[in-house]
Structure formats: C-alpha cells, structure tokens
Amino acid sequence: MQGGQAATVQNAASKSEKAKERAFKTKLMKRNWDLYLLILPTVLFFIIFKYVPMYGVQIAFRDFRPVDGIWGSAWIGLDNFRRFFTSYQFSQTLVNTLTISFMSLFINFPIPVIFALLLNQVEVKWFKKSVQTVSYVPYFISTVVMVGLLFSFLSPTSGPINTLIKATGGTPINFLGVPNMFKWIYVFSDTWQMTGYNAIIYIASLSGISPEYYEAAMVDGASKFKRMLYIDIPFLIPTVCVMFILSAGRVMSVGFEKAFLMQTPLNLTKSEIISTFVYKTGLVQSDFSFSTAVSLFNTVVNLVLIVSVNTVTKKLSNGENSLW
C-alpha cells in the first residue's frame, strides 16, 4: 500500500516537473517570438523544397506513367534497382563516380587546409589579403565558362599547352579525348577553382585564435612551424573534422554540370557518372522510375557514408568532434 502511494506521489511530481518545463519553454518561445519569425522562411524553404518532394521517391518502386500519376502507376517493388544492379552501366558508372569522388576528397580536401595554415603565417597584411582575393576569384567563374576555358587551354590545335608541346618538338595531345586523363583534369581544375573558397572557413577559424598564444610561443622561442604545429593545427582540428564529415557525405555527389559538359565520345568510358546517367535515362529517355531508383541508390550510399564517418570521427575524438 505504501509502495503504491509512493509511486503515485512520484508520478505526480514527475508530471508537475514536466508541466513546469513546458510552461518555461512556452514562455521562452513567446519572449523570443521575433527570432522564430526570422527563421520561419528558412524552415518553410526546407519543408517545401526538401521534404515535400520526398513524396515522389515512391516512383522508384513503381512503373511510373505520367498519364496514370504516381498512385495510379503499377507497383513493381525493387525491379528498377535489380535492373540497375544487373546492367553493364552499373559497374562503370559506380567506379567512375567513386574514383573521381575519392580523388577529389583526398586531393582537394587537404589543400585548402594547408593553404589556410600557410596564409595565416604571412605577416604582411596587404600581401595576405591580395593572395586570398586572387585565390577566391576563380570560384565566381561559372561552370560553363570554366569548361570552355578547359577546352580552349587543352585544345590539340590552338591550346597554349599543346602549342608549347609542339614548340619543344613533341606531339600534340588531345587531353579531353584521353579517357584516363578525364578524372585528373576534373579534379585539378576543381583544385584551382575551389581552393580559395574552401579555405575561407579555415581562415576564419584561425583568425579566432587569441594573439596571446602566439606571443607566449614567441617568447619561448617557437619558430613559425612550431607555432603552426602546436597552436594552429589543434585549434583547426574540430573544424577540419566537421568539414571532412560533410565532404564524405557528398562522396557520391560528383558535380553533374561539369562532368556532363566535359564529356566527349572519346572519354565517355571514364566520364559517365551516376548523375549524368540519371539525367540521360530520366530526362532524355523519359525513364522516370529507373532514374529515380538510381538517384535513390546514390542518396542512400551518401547517407550511409556520412553516418559511418561521423560515428568513426566521434569515437576517435571521444565524442568531441562530430555533427551529432
């Protein structure tokens, strides 16, 4: 009997605490209504353009016909996925996508970090700002213009690189016509265009380090390399971890526009990636169900990668560096 009364009192106390907590949260929301109003457009944007379209994902499991609509189309289960996994394009597009993605990750991810660390050591302010501005400018070049520049510079007839090769007695090379060169051109053109932009967040993190740390290190006789090693890098590690997790979650999302524009009949065996394959099957061939299934497979792989990398990073850093 006493145990039942104690349990009743405990439940009543728990309900009272929850009621107080709800009242406090309601009061807090009323007090900060202007902040919630400010964030409302962003929330609506994600709901309308990111979550509502998920309704159409079921097309991947149907034999979709626009005349019948989504619900009227026949349910075929995993047939579209089986068709993709057993097709000859599966291994080709998957290998090409993973190759370019991992090359971009392991080449283009550390370069902005190194660039930010080196730039942070420059003491002449005008030179530091000039270098940062020059490195940032290529980011504003559109993808179409960027690919046009690549075709012009790498042209086997009039490109400056082949002109130099011919001047030295060599044979002109059709760089964009050699399949194995495609991935290198794609990755290193990204390096030139994106390094300055990707380094901004690291430069911002480094600018937040208190000058007292550098002053104390200089008093102790630490060189620039030592200051970079023991001050800059430890402060930069949390930012690097978060950016690496986000980059790993985009491994399968190779830029469609650039890859599609750089494709030629000669390099198609190495330039056909999942995003270009989805475009050709979905919009060009109007095979909406199949292209949706391929795109869904791509998204699921990205989700698995970002969760896995986040879990590993969290364990290695003892829960200090992770997205969640």
C-alpha atoms as a PDB file:
ATOM      1  CA  MET A   1       0.000   0.000   0.000  1.00  0.00           C
ATOM      2  CA  GLN A   2       2.799   2.376   0.939  1.00  0.00           C
ATOM      3  CA  GLY A   3       4.677   1.441  -2.248  1.00  0.00           C
ATOM      4  CA  GLY A   4       1.623   2.342  -4.345  1.00  0.00           C
ATOM      5  CA  GLN A   5       1.266   5.708  -2.616  1.00  0.00           C
ATOM      6  CA  ALA A   6       4.969   6.425  -3.125  1.00  0.00           C
ATOM      7  CA  ALA A   7       4.659   5.607  -6.836  1.00  0.00           C
ATOM      8  CA  THR A   8       1.598   7.868  -7.113  1.00  0.00           C
ATOM      9  CA  VAL A   9       3.456  10.737  -5.427  1.00  0.00           C
ATOM     10  CA  GLN A  10       6.466  10.184  -7.674  1.00  0.00           C
ATOM     11  CA  ASN A  11       4.301  10.207 -10.825  1.00  0.00           C
ATOM     12  CA  ALA A  12       2.555  13.376  -9.694  1.00  0.00           C
ATOM     13  CA  ALA A  13       5.926  15.049  -9.021  1.00  0.00           C
ATOM     14  CA  SER A  14       7.182  13.952 -12.450  1.00  0.00           C
ATOM     15  CA  LYS A  15       4.057  15.334 -14.172  1.00  0.00           C
ATOM     16  CA  SER A  16       4.437  18.583 -12.238  1.00  0.00           C
ATOM     17  CA  GLU A  17       8.066  18.927 -13.365  1.00  0.00           C
ATOM     18  CA  LYS A  18       7.109  18.250 -16.985  1.00  0.00           C
ATOM     19  CA  ALA A  19       4.304  20.819 -16.773  1.00  0.00           C
ATOM     20  CA  LYS A  20       6.731  23.405 -15.383  1.00  0.00           C
ATOM     21  CA  GLU A  21       9.225  22.584 -18.140  1.00  0.00           C
ATOM     22  CA  ARG A  22       6.542  23.003 -20.844  1.00  0.00           C
ATOM     23  CA  ALA A  23       5.425  26.292 -19.292  1.00  0.00           C
ATOM     24  CA  PHE A  24       9.023  27.516 -19.230  1.00  0.00           C
ATOM     25  CA  LYS A  25       9.577  26.566 -22.894  1.00  0.00           C
ATOM     26  CA  THR A  26       6.301  28.256 -23.905  1.00  0.00           C
ATOM     27  CA  LYS A  27       7.302  31.399 -22.020  1.00  0.00           C
ATOM     28  CA  LEU A  28      10.730  31.322 -23.658  1.00  0.00           C
ATOM     29  CA  MET A  29       9.210  30.970 -27.135  1.00  0.00           C
ATOM     30  CA  LYS A  30       6.843  33.878 -26.511  1.00  0.00           C
ATOM     31  CA  ARG A  31       9.709  36.015 -25.311  1.00  0.00           C
ATOM     32  CA  ASN A  32      11.784  35.225 -28.432  1.00  0.00           C
ATOM     33  CA  TRP A  33       8.952  35.198 -30.983  1.00  0.00           C
ATOM     34  CA  ASP A  34      10.885  37.551 -33.260  1.00  0.00           C
ATOM     35  CA  LEU A  35      13.752  35.035 -33.580  1.00  0.00           C
ATOM     36  CA  TYR A  36      11.337  32.245 -34.511  1.00  0.00           C
ATOM     37  CA  LEU A  37       9.708  34.545 -37.052  1.00  0.00           C
ATOM     38  CA  LEU A  38      13.137  35.284 -38.504  1.00  0.00           C
ATOM     39  CA  ILE A  39      13.919  31.599 -39.005  1.00  0.00           C
ATOM     40  CA  LEU A  40      10.438  30.728 -40.334  1.00  0.00           C
ATOM     41  CA  PRO A  41      11.245  31.385 -44.065  1.00  0.00           C
ATOM     42  CA  THR A  42      14.232  29.015 -43.864  1.00  0.00           C
ATOM     43  CA  VAL A  43      12.153  26.309 -42.196  1.00  0.00           C
ATOM     44  CA  LEU A  44       9.424  26.699 -44.828  1.00  0.00           C
ATOM     45  CA  PHE A  45      12.005  26.540 -47.606  1.00  0.00           C
ATOM     46  CA  PHE A  46      13.340  23.192 -46.380  1.00  0.00           C
ATOM     47  CA  ILE A  47       9.851  21.800 -45.803  1.00  0.00           C
ATOM     48  CA  ILE A  48       8.551  22.816 -49.249  1.00  0.00           C
ATOM     49  CA  PHE A  49      11.612  22.129 -51.387  1.00  0.00           C
ATOM     50  CA  LYS A  50      13.378  19.347 -49.448  1.00  0.00           C
ATOM     51  CA  TYR A  51      10.825  17.303 -47.515  1.00  0.00           C
ATOM     52  CA  VAL A  52       7.611  17.560 -49.562  1.00  0.00           C
ATOM     53  CA  PRO A  53       9.332  16.283 -52.763  1.00  0.00           C
ATOM     54  CA  MET A  54      10.227  13.086 -50.869  1.00  0.00           C
ATOM     55  CA  TYR A  55       6.653  12.049 -51.632  1.00  0.00           C
ATOM     56  CA  GLY A  56       7.807  11.329 -55.184  1.00  0.00           C
ATOM     57  CA  VAL A  57      10.518   8.870 -54.094  1.00  0.00           C
ATOM     58  CA  GLN A  58       7.951   6.070 -54.405  1.00  0.00           C
ATOM     59  CA  ILE A  59       8.285   6.426 -58.188  1.00  0.00           C
ATOM     60  CA  ALA A  60      11.436   4.311 -57.802  1.00  0.00           C
ATOM     61  CA  PHE A  61       9.238   1.378 -56.754  1.00  0.00           C
ATOM     62  CA  ARG A  62       6.593   1.847 -59.458  1.00  0.00           C
ATOM     63  CA  ASP A  63       6.304   1.532 -63.223  1.00  0.00           C
ATOM     64  CA  PHE A  64       5.578   5.236 -63.412  1.00  0.00           C
ATOM     65  CA  ARG A  65       3.468   6.593 -66.249  1.00  0.00           C
ATOM     66  CA  PRO A  66       2.633  10.333 -66.208  1.00  0.00           C
ATOM     67  CA  VAL A  67      -0.860   9.562 -67.526  1.00  0.00           C
ATOM     68  CA  ASP A  68      -1.653   7.311 -64.548  1.00  0.00           C
ATOM     69  CA  GLY A  69       0.024   9.511 -61.947  1.00  0.00           C
ATOM     70  CA  ILE A  70       2.096   8.310 -59.008  1.00  0.00           C
ATOM     71  CA  TRP A  71      -0.611   6.409 -57.157  1.00  0.00           C
ATOM     72  CA  GLY A  72      -2.139   5.032 -60.349  1.00  0.00           C
ATOM     73  CA  SER A  73       1.114   3.536 -61.637  1.00  0.00           C
ATOM     74  CA  ALA A  74       1.744  -0.143 -61.015  1.00  0.00           C
ATOM     75  CA  TRP A  75       3.838  -1.145 -58.007  1.00  0.00           C
ATOM     76  CA  ILE A  76       6.875  -3.191 -59.120  1.00  0.00           C
ATOM     77  CA  GLY A  77       8.917  -3.214 -55.904  1.00  0.00           C
ATOM     78  CA  LEU A  78      12.686  -3.495 -56.357  1.00  0.00           C
ATOM     79  CA  ASP A  79      12.619  -4.280 -60.086  1.00  0.00           C
ATOM     80  CA  ASN A  80      14.190  -0.942 -61.043  1.00  0.00           C
ATOM     81  CA  PHE A  81      17.046  -1.499 -58.591  1.00  0.00           C
ATOM     82  CA  ARG A  82      17.642  -5.033 -59.896  1.00  0.00           C
ATOM     83  CA  ARG A  83      17.681  -3.665 -63.420  1.00  0.00           C
ATOM     84  CA  PHE A  84      20.367  -1.137 -62.469  1.00  0.00           C
ATOM     85  CA  PHE A  85      22.495  -3.584 -60.457  1.00  0.00           C
ATOM     86  CA  THR A  86      22.478  -6.153 -63.277  1.00  0.00           C
ATOM     87  CA  SER A  87      23.099  -3.673 -66.119  1.00  0.00           C
ATOM     88  CA  TYR A  88      26.536  -3.169 -67.671  1.00  0.00           C
ATOM     89  CA  GLN A  89      26.356   0.546 -66.763  1.00  0.00           C
ATOM     90  CA  PHE A  90      26.292  -0.216 -63.017  1.00  0.00           C
ATOM     91  CA  SER A  91      29.953  -1.113 -62.505  1.00  0.00           C
ATOM     92  CA  GLN A  92      31.146   1.524 -64.973  1.00  0.00           C
ATOM     93  CA  THR A  93      29.205   4.454 -63.519  1.00  0.00           C
ATOM     94  CA  LEU A  94      29.831   3.386 -59.912  1.00  0.00           C
ATOM     95  CA  VAL A  95      33.593   3.000 -60.381  1.00  0.00           C
ATOM     96  CA  ASN A  96      33.841   6.310 -62.265  1.00  0.00           C
ATOM     97  CA  THR A  97      31.821   8.126 -59.592  1.00  0.00           C
ATOM     98  CA  LEU A  98      33.802   6.661 -56.694  1.00  0.00           C
ATOM     99  CA  THR A  99      37.155   7.231 -58.402  1.00  0.00           C
ATOM    100  CA  ILE A 100      36.514  10.913 -59.090  1.00  0.00           C
ATOM    101  CA  SER A 101      34.891  11.431 -55.674  1.00  0.00           C
ATOM    102  CA  PHE A 102      37.696   9.881 -53.626  1.00  0.00           C
ATOM    103  CA  MET A 103      40.337  11.629 -55.711  1.00  0.00           C
ATOM    104  CA  SER A 104      38.576  14.934 -55.059  1.00  0.00           C
ATOM    105  CA  LEU A 105      38.269  14.118 -51.351  1.00  0.00           C
ATOM    106  CA  PHE A 106      41.900  13.138 -50.778  1.00  0.00           C
ATOM    107  CA  ILE A 107      43.423  15.800 -53.056  1.00  0.00           C
ATOM    108  CA  ASN A 108      41.086  18.783 -52.767  1.00  0.00           C
ATOM    109  CA  PHE A 109      40.186  18.435 -49.086  1.00  0.00           C
ATOM    110  CA  PRO A 110      43.656  18.923 -47.512  1.00  0.00           C
ATOM    111  CA  ILE A 111      44.859  21.617 -49.945  1.00  0.00           C
ATOM    112  CA  PRO A 112      42.554  24.412 -48.574  1.00  0.00           C
ATOM    113  CA  VAL A 113      43.629  23.469 -45.032  1.00  0.00           C
ATOM    114  CA  ILE A 114      47.315  23.724 -45.947  1.00  0.00           C
ATOM    115  CA  PHE A 115      46.671  26.948 -47.856  1.00  0.00           C
ATOM    116  CA  ALA A 116      44.898  28.491 -44.840  1.00  0.00           C
ATOM    117  CA  LEU A 117      47.718  27.445 -42.486  1.00  0.00           C
ATOM    118  CA  LEU A 118      50.378  28.938 -44.759  1.00  0.00           C
ATOM    119  CA  LEU A 119      48.409  32.121 -45.377  1.00  0.00           C
ATOM    120  CA  ASN A 120      47.927  32.565 -41.635  1.00  0.00           C
ATOM    121  CA  GLN A 121      51.706  32.774 -41.235  1.00  0.00           C
ATOM    122  CA  VAL A 122      52.001  35.733 -43.627  1.00  0.00           C
ATOM    123  CA  GLU A 123      52.606  38.883 -41.600  1.00  0.00           C
ATOM    124  CA  VAL A 124      52.355  41.463 -44.413  1.00  0.00           C
ATOM    125  CA  LYS A 125      48.624  42.267 -44.365  1.00  0.00           C
ATOM    126  CA  TRP A 126      48.300  43.714 -47.879  1.00  0.00           C
ATOM    127  CA  PHE A 127      50.054  40.700 -49.399  1.00  0.00           C
ATOM    128  CA  LYS A 128      47.941  38.302 -47.328  1.00  0.00           C
ATOM    129  CA  LYS A 129      44.688  39.965 -48.439  1.00  0.00           C
ATOM    130  CA  SER A 130      45.836  40.100 -52.068  1.00  0.00           C
ATOM    131  CA  VAL A 131      46.671  36.381 -52.153  1.00  0.00           C
ATOM    132  CA  GLN A 132      43.355  35.497 -50.508  1.00  0.00           C
ATOM    133  CA  THR A 133      41.417  37.625 -53.003  1.00  0.00           C
ATOM    134  CA  VAL A 134      43.236  36.195 -56.029  1.00  0.00           C
ATOM    135  CA  SER A 135      42.659  32.630 -54.825  1.00  0.00           C
ATOM    136  CA  TYR A 136      38.971  33.352 -54.202  1.00  0.00           C
ATOM    137  CA  VAL A 137      38.222  34.911 -57.619  1.00  0.00           C
ATOM    138  CA  PRO A 138      38.093  31.634 -59.665  1.00  0.00           C
ATOM    139  CA  TYR A 139      35.129  30.498 -57.562  1.00  0.00           C
ATOM    140  CA  PHE A 140      32.951  33.106 -59.311  1.00  0.00           C
ATOM    141  CA  ILE A 141      33.615  31.609 -62.737  1.00  0.00           C
ATOM    142  CA  SER A 142      30.533  29.697 -63.856  1.00  0.00           C
ATOM    143  CA  THR A 143      30.794  26.007 -64.676  1.00  0.00           C
ATOM    144  CA  VAL A 144      30.059  26.589 -68.363  1.00  0.00           C
ATOM    145  CA  VAL A 145      32.785  29.226 -68.660  1.00  0.00           C
ATOM    146  CA  MET A 146      35.171  27.024 -66.677  1.00  0.00           C
ATOM    147  CA  VAL A 147      34.692  24.078 -69.035  1.00  0.00           C
ATOM    148  CA  GLY A 148      35.014  26.423 -72.019  1.00  0.00           C
ATOM    149  CA  LEU A 149      38.373  27.577 -70.663  1.00  0.00           C
ATOM    150  CA  LEU A 150      39.462  23.968 -70.243  1.00  0.00           C
ATOM    151  CA  PHE A 151      38.581  23.144 -73.851  1.00  0.00           C
ATOM    152  CA  SER A 152      40.436  26.258 -75.029  1.00  0.00           C
ATOM    153  CA  PHE A 153      43.592  25.666 -72.976  1.00  0.00           C
ATOM    154  CA  LEU A 154      43.699  21.938 -73.735  1.00  0.00           C
ATOM    155  CA  SER A 155      42.793  22.192 -77.434  1.00  0.00           C
ATOM    156  CA  PRO A 156      45.093  19.938 -79.526  1.00  0.00           C
ATOM    157  CA  THR A 157      45.256  22.564 -82.287  1.00  0.00           C
ATOM    158  CA  SER A 158      45.261  26.013 -80.697  1.00  0.00           C
ATOM    159  CA  GLY A 159      45.623  25.444 -76.941  1.00  0.00           C
ATOM    160  CA  PRO A 160      48.649  27.097 -75.277  1.00  0.00           C
ATOM    161  CA  ILE A 161      49.706  23.805 -73.637  1.00  0.00           C
ATOM    162  CA  ASN A 162      49.822  21.912 -76.940  1.00  0.00           C
ATOM    163  CA  THR A 163      51.430  24.922 -78.619  1.00  0.00           C
ATOM    164  CA  LEU A 164      54.239  24.653 -76.072  1.00  0.00           C
ATOM    165  CA  ILE A 165      54.462  20.896 -76.649  1.00  0.00           C
ATOM    166  CA  LYS A 166      54.748  21.414 -80.418  1.00  0.00           C
ATOM    167  CA  ALA A 167      57.343  24.153 -79.914  1.00  0.00           C
ATOM    168  CA  THR A 168      59.536  21.712 -77.985  1.00  0.00           C
ATOM    169  CA  GLY A 169      59.225  19.072 -80.710  1.00  0.00           C
ATOM    170  CA  GLY A 170      56.521  16.985 -79.068  1.00  0.00           C
ATOM    171  CA  THR A 171      53.280  15.565 -80.450  1.00  0.00           C
ATOM    172  CA  PRO A 172      50.023  17.395 -79.556  1.00  0.00           C
ATOM    173  CA  ILE A 173      47.788  15.578 -77.084  1.00  0.00           C
ATOM    174  CA  ASN A 174      44.002  15.615 -77.141  1.00  0.00           C
ATOM    175  CA  PHE A 175      43.751  15.750 -73.347  1.00  0.00           C
ATOM    176  CA  LEU A 176      39.948  15.613 -73.156  1.00  0.00           C
ATOM    177  CA  GLY A 177      39.933  12.770 -75.663  1.00  0.00           C
ATOM    178  CA  VAL A 178      42.104  10.509 -73.495  1.00  0.00           C
ATOM    179  CA  PRO A 179      39.754   8.658 -71.093  1.00  0.00           C
ATOM    180  CA  ASN A 180      42.287   8.195 -68.269  1.00  0.00           C
ATOM    181  CA  MET A 181      43.085  11.921 -68.205  1.00  0.00           C
ATOM    182  CA  PHE A 182      39.481  12.952 -67.580  1.00  0.00           C
ATOM    183  CA  LYS A 183      39.499  12.410 -63.812  1.00  0.00           C
ATOM    184  CA  TRP A 184      42.796  14.271 -63.361  1.00  0.00           C
ATOM    185  CA  ILE A 185      41.581  17.251 -65.380  1.00  0.00           C
ATOM    186  CA  TYR A 186      38.307  17.249 -63.441  1.00  0.00           C
ATOM    187  CA  VAL A 187      39.978  17.101 -60.017  1.00  0.00           C
ATOM    188  CA  PHE A 188      42.810  19.581 -60.594  1.00  0.00           C
ATOM    189  CA  SER A 189      40.553  22.123 -62.297  1.00  0.00           C
ATOM    190  CA  ASP A 190      38.429  21.902 -59.136  1.00  0.00           C
ATOM    191  CA  THR A 191      41.588  22.473 -57.087  1.00  0.00           C
ATOM    192  CA  TRP A 192      42.288  25.711 -58.935  1.00  0.00           C
ATOM    193  CA  GLN A 193      38.697  26.930 -58.784  1.00  0.00           C
ATOM    194  CA  MET A 194      37.672  25.930 -55.245  1.00  0.00           C
ATOM    195  CA  THR A 195      40.790  26.159 -53.041  1.00  0.00           C
ATOM    196  CA  GLY A 196      40.361  29.840 -52.146  1.00  0.00           C
ATOM    197  CA  TYR A 197      36.647  29.466 -51.423  1.00  0.00           C
ATOM    198  CA  ASN A 198      37.025  26.293 -49.351  1.00  0.00           C
ATOM    199  CA  ALA A 199      39.844  27.872 -47.334  1.00  0.00           C
ATOM    200  CA  ILE A 200      37.641  30.723 -46.075  1.00  0.00           C
ATOM    201  CA  ILE A 201      36.141  28.754 -43.185  1.00  0.00           C
ATOM    202  CA  TYR A 202      39.601  27.618 -42.061  1.00  0.00           C
ATOM    203  CA  ILE A 203      40.989  31.152 -42.293  1.00  0.00           C
ATOM    204  CA  ALA A 204      38.030  32.353 -40.210  1.00  0.00           C
ATOM    205  CA  SER A 205      38.756  29.681 -37.580  1.00  0.00           C
ATOM    206  CA  LEU A 206      42.416  30.642 -37.431  1.00  0.00           C
ATOM    207  CA  SER A 207      41.578  34.332 -37.096  1.00  0.00           C
ATOM    208  CA  GLY A 208      39.692  33.496 -33.891  1.00  0.00           C
ATOM    209  CA  ILE A 209      42.847  32.290 -32.121  1.00  0.00           C
ATOM    210  CA  SER A 210      43.937  34.666 -29.361  1.00  0.00           C
ATOM    211  CA  PRO A 211      47.222  36.509 -30.156  1.00  0.00           C
ATOM    212  CA  GLU A 212      48.349  35.706 -26.623  1.00  0.00           C
ATOM    213  CA  TYR A 213      49.099  32.127 -27.670  1.00  0.00           C
ATOM    214  CA  TYR A 214      51.451  33.326 -30.415  1.00  0.00           C
ATOM    215  CA  GLU A 215      53.089  35.874 -28.127  1.00  0.00           C
ATOM    216  CA  ALA A 216      53.734  33.235 -25.466  1.00  0.00           C
ATOM    217  CA  ALA A 217      55.131  30.841 -28.085  1.00  0.00           C
ATOM    218  CA  MET A 218      57.426  33.538 -29.498  1.00  0.00           C
ATOM    219  CA  VAL A 219      58.713  34.320 -26.015  1.00  0.00           C
ATOM    220  CA  ASP A 220      59.554  30.627 -25.633  1.00  0.00           C
ATOM    221  CA  GLY A 221      61.448  30.777 -28.937  1.00  0.00           C
ATOM    222  CA  ALA A 222      58.983  28.746 -31.047  1.00  0.00           C
ATOM    223  CA  SER A 223      59.502  29.020 -34.804  1.00  0.00           C
ATOM    224  CA  LYS A 224      56.659  29.615 -37.269  1.00  0.00           C
ATOM    225  CA  PHE A 225      56.491  25.897 -37.985  1.00  0.00           C
ATOM    226  CA  LYS A 226      56.256  25.101 -34.270  1.00  0.00           C
ATOM    227  CA  ARG A 227      53.531  27.696 -33.797  1.00  0.00           C
ATOM    228  CA  MET A 228      51.630  26.186 -36.699  1.00  0.00           C
ATOM    229  CA  LEU A 229      52.123  22.676 -35.335  1.00  0.00           C
ATOM    230  CA  TYR A 230      51.176  23.324 -31.708  1.00  0.00           C
ATOM    231  CA  ILE A 231      48.736  26.252 -31.942  1.00  0.00           C
ATOM    232  CA  ASP A 232      47.100  26.484 -35.372  1.00  0.00           C
ATOM    233  CA  ILE A 233      46.510  22.798 -36.097  1.00  0.00           C
ATOM    234  CA  PRO A 234      44.992  21.877 -32.666  1.00  0.00           C
ATOM    235  CA  PHE A 235      42.582  24.828 -32.928  1.00  0.00           C
ATOM    236  CA  LEU A 236      41.719  23.842 -36.504  1.00  0.00           C
ATOM    237  CA  ILE A 237      41.052  20.129 -35.875  1.00  0.00           C
ATOM    238  CA  PRO A 238      37.340  20.488 -34.827  1.00  0.00           C
ATOM    239  CA  THR A 239      36.548  22.490 -37.981  1.00  0.00           C
ATOM    240  CA  VAL A 240      38.507  20.063 -40.159  1.00  0.00           C
ATOM    241  CA  CYS A 241      36.633  17.091 -38.665  1.00  0.00           C
ATOM    242  CA  VAL A 242      33.210  18.624 -39.323  1.00  0.00           C
ATOM    243  CA  MET A 243      34.144  19.614 -42.884  1.00  0.00           C
ATOM    244  CA  PHE A 244      35.571  16.150 -43.546  1.00  0.00           C
ATOM    245  CA  ILE A 245      32.336  14.504 -42.386  1.00  0.00           C
ATOM    246  CA  LEU A 246      30.311  16.764 -44.687  1.00  0.00           C
ATOM    247  CA  SER A 247      32.692  16.079 -47.583  1.00  0.00           C
ATOM    248  CA  ALA A 248      32.468  12.329 -47.002  1.00  0.00           C
ATOM    249  CA  GLY A 249      28.678  12.616 -47.143  1.00  0.00           C
ATOM    250  CA  ARG A 250      28.981  14.070 -50.643  1.00  0.00           C
ATOM    251  CA  VAL A 251      31.280  11.378 -51.999  1.00  0.00           C
ATOM    252  CA  MET A 252      28.682  10.082 -54.466  1.00  0.00           C
ATOM    253  CA  SER A 253      27.511  13.567 -55.438  1.00  0.00           C
ATOM    254  CA  VAL A 254      30.003  14.411 -58.150  1.00  0.00           C
ATOM    255  CA  GLY A 255      29.047  17.676 -59.866  1.00  0.00           C
ATOM    256  CA  PHE A 256      26.733  16.880 -62.764  1.00  0.00           C
ATOM    257  CA  GLU A 257      27.175  20.086 -64.768  1.00  0.00           C
ATOM    258  CA  LYS A 258      30.946  19.973 -65.063  1.00  0.00           C
ATOM    259  CA  ALA A 259      31.160  16.244 -65.775  1.00  0.00           C
ATOM    260  CA  PHE A 260      28.391  16.458 -68.388  1.00  0.00           C
ATOM    261  CA  LEU A 261      29.944  19.444 -70.154  1.00  0.00           C
ATOM    262  CA  MET A 262      33.396  17.825 -70.191  1.00  0.00           C
ATOM    263  CA  GLN A 263      32.095  14.598 -71.720  1.00  0.00           C
ATOM    264  CA  THR A 264      33.129  13.697 -75.251  1.00  0.00           C
ATOM    265  CA  PRO A 265      32.512  10.465 -77.205  1.00  0.00           C
ATOM    266  CA  LEU A 266      36.191   9.611 -76.679  1.00  0.00           C
ATOM    267  CA  ASN A 267      36.249   9.885 -72.857  1.00  0.00           C
ATOM    268  CA  LEU A 268      32.732   8.573 -72.145  1.00  0.00           C
ATOM    269  CA  THR A 269      34.005   5.320 -70.620  1.00  0.00           C
ATOM    270  CA  LYS A 270      35.631   7.295 -67.773  1.00  0.00           C
ATOM    271  CA  SER A 271      33.352  10.345 -67.619  1.00  0.00           C
ATOM    272  CA  GLU A 272      29.955   8.646 -67.318  1.00  0.00           C
ATOM    273  CA  ILE A 273      28.993   9.039 -63.637  1.00  0.00           C
ATOM    274  CA  ILE A 274      25.766   8.370 -61.773  1.00  0.00           C
ATOM    275  CA  SER A 275      24.442  11.944 -62.031  1.00  0.00           C
ATOM    276  CA  THR A 276      24.943  12.120 -65.826  1.00  0.00           C
ATOM    277  CA  PHE A 277      23.476   8.621 -66.178  1.00  0.00           C
ATOM    278  CA  VAL A 278      20.388   9.688 -64.210  1.00  0.00           C
ATOM    279  CA  TYR A 279      19.987  12.748 -66.450  1.00  0.00           C
ATOM    280  CA  LYS A 280      20.195  10.710 -69.645  1.00  0.00           C
ATOM    281  CA  THR A 281      17.820   7.962 -68.521  1.00  0.00           C
ATOM    282  CA  GLY A 282      15.373  10.245 -66.714  1.00  0.00           C
ATOM    283  CA  LEU A 283      15.063  13.357 -68.858  1.00  0.00           C
ATOM    284  CA  VAL A 284      16.419  12.298 -72.253  1.00  0.00           C
ATOM    285  CA  GLN A 285      14.901   8.783 -72.355  1.00  0.00           C
ATOM    286  CA  SER A 286      11.936   9.644 -70.069  1.00  0.00           C
ATOM    287  CA  ASP A 287      12.518   6.537 -67.945  1.00  0.00           C
ATOM    288  CA  PHE A 288      11.492   8.291 -64.727  1.00  0.00           C
ATOM    289  CA  SER A 289      11.135   5.245 -62.479  1.00  0.00           C
ATOM    290  CA  PHE A 290      14.540   3.815 -63.345  1.00  0.00           C
ATOM    291  CA  SER A 291      16.354   7.152 -62.984  1.00  0.00           C
ATOM    292  CA  THR A 292      14.650   7.768 -59.619  1.00  0.00           C
ATOM    293  CA  ALA A 293      15.789   4.340 -58.404  1.00  0.00           C
ATOM    294  CA  VAL A 294      19.388   5.089 -59.436  1.00  0.00           C
ATOM    295  CA  SER A 295      19.273   8.508 -57.754  1.00  0.00           C
ATOM    296  CA  LEU A 296      17.785   6.968 -54.589  1.00  0.00           C
ATOM    297  CA  PHE A 297      20.587   4.403 -54.505  1.00  0.00           C
ATOM    298  CA  ASN A 298      23.084   7.259 -54.788  1.00  0.00           C
ATOM    299  CA  THR A 299      21.420   9.120 -51.886  1.00  0.00           C
ATOM    300  CA  VAL A 300      21.333   6.046 -49.637  1.00  0.00           C
ATOM    301  CA  VAL A 301      25.056   5.441 -50.178  1.00  0.00           C
ATOM    302  CA  ASN A 302      25.769   9.085 -49.252  1.00  0.00           C
ATOM    303  CA  LEU A 303      23.656   8.713 -46.106  1.00  0.00           C
ATOM    304  CA  VAL A 304      25.487   5.544 -45.059  1.00  0.00           C
ATOM    305  CA  LEU A 305      28.856   7.209 -45.651  1.00  0.00           C
ATOM    306  CA  ILE A 306      28.098  10.353 -43.654  1.00  0.00           C
ATOM    307  CA  VAL A 307      26.690   8.337 -40.717  1.00  0.00           C
ATOM    308  CA  SER A 308      29.684   5.969 -40.774  1.00  0.00           C
ATOM    309  CA  VAL A 309      32.308   8.719 -40.968  1.00  0.00           C
ATOM    310  CA  ASN A 310      30.537  10.714 -38.248  1.00  0.00           C
ATOM    311  CA  THR A 311      30.475   7.640 -35.979  1.00  0.00           C
ATOM    312  CA  VAL A 312      34.171   6.886 -36.535  1.00  0.00           C
ATOM    313  CA  THR A 313      35.172  10.528 -36.026  1.00  0.00           C
ATOM    314  CA  LYS A 314      33.117  10.731 -32.851  1.00  0.00           C
ATOM    315  CA  LYS A 315      34.770   7.625 -31.401  1.00  0.00           C
ATOM    316  CA  LEU A 316      38.295   8.701 -32.357  1.00  0.00           C
ATOM    317  CA  SER A 317      37.809  12.144 -30.771  1.00  0.00           C
ATOM    318  CA  ASN A 318      35.999  10.785 -27.681  1.00  0.00           C
ATOM    319  CA  GLY A 319      32.765  12.495 -28.707  1.00  0.00           C
ATOM    320  CA  GLU A 320      34.275  15.959 -29.080  1.00  0.00           C
ATOM    321  CA  ASN A 321      34.183  16.319 -32.880  1.00  0.00           C
ATOM    322  CA  SER A 322      31.050  15.207 -34.716  1.00  0.00           C
ATOM    323  CA  LEU A 323      27.913  16.528 -36.375  1.00  0.00           C
ATOM    324  CA  TRP A 324      25.589  14.896 -33.850  1.00  0.00           C
END
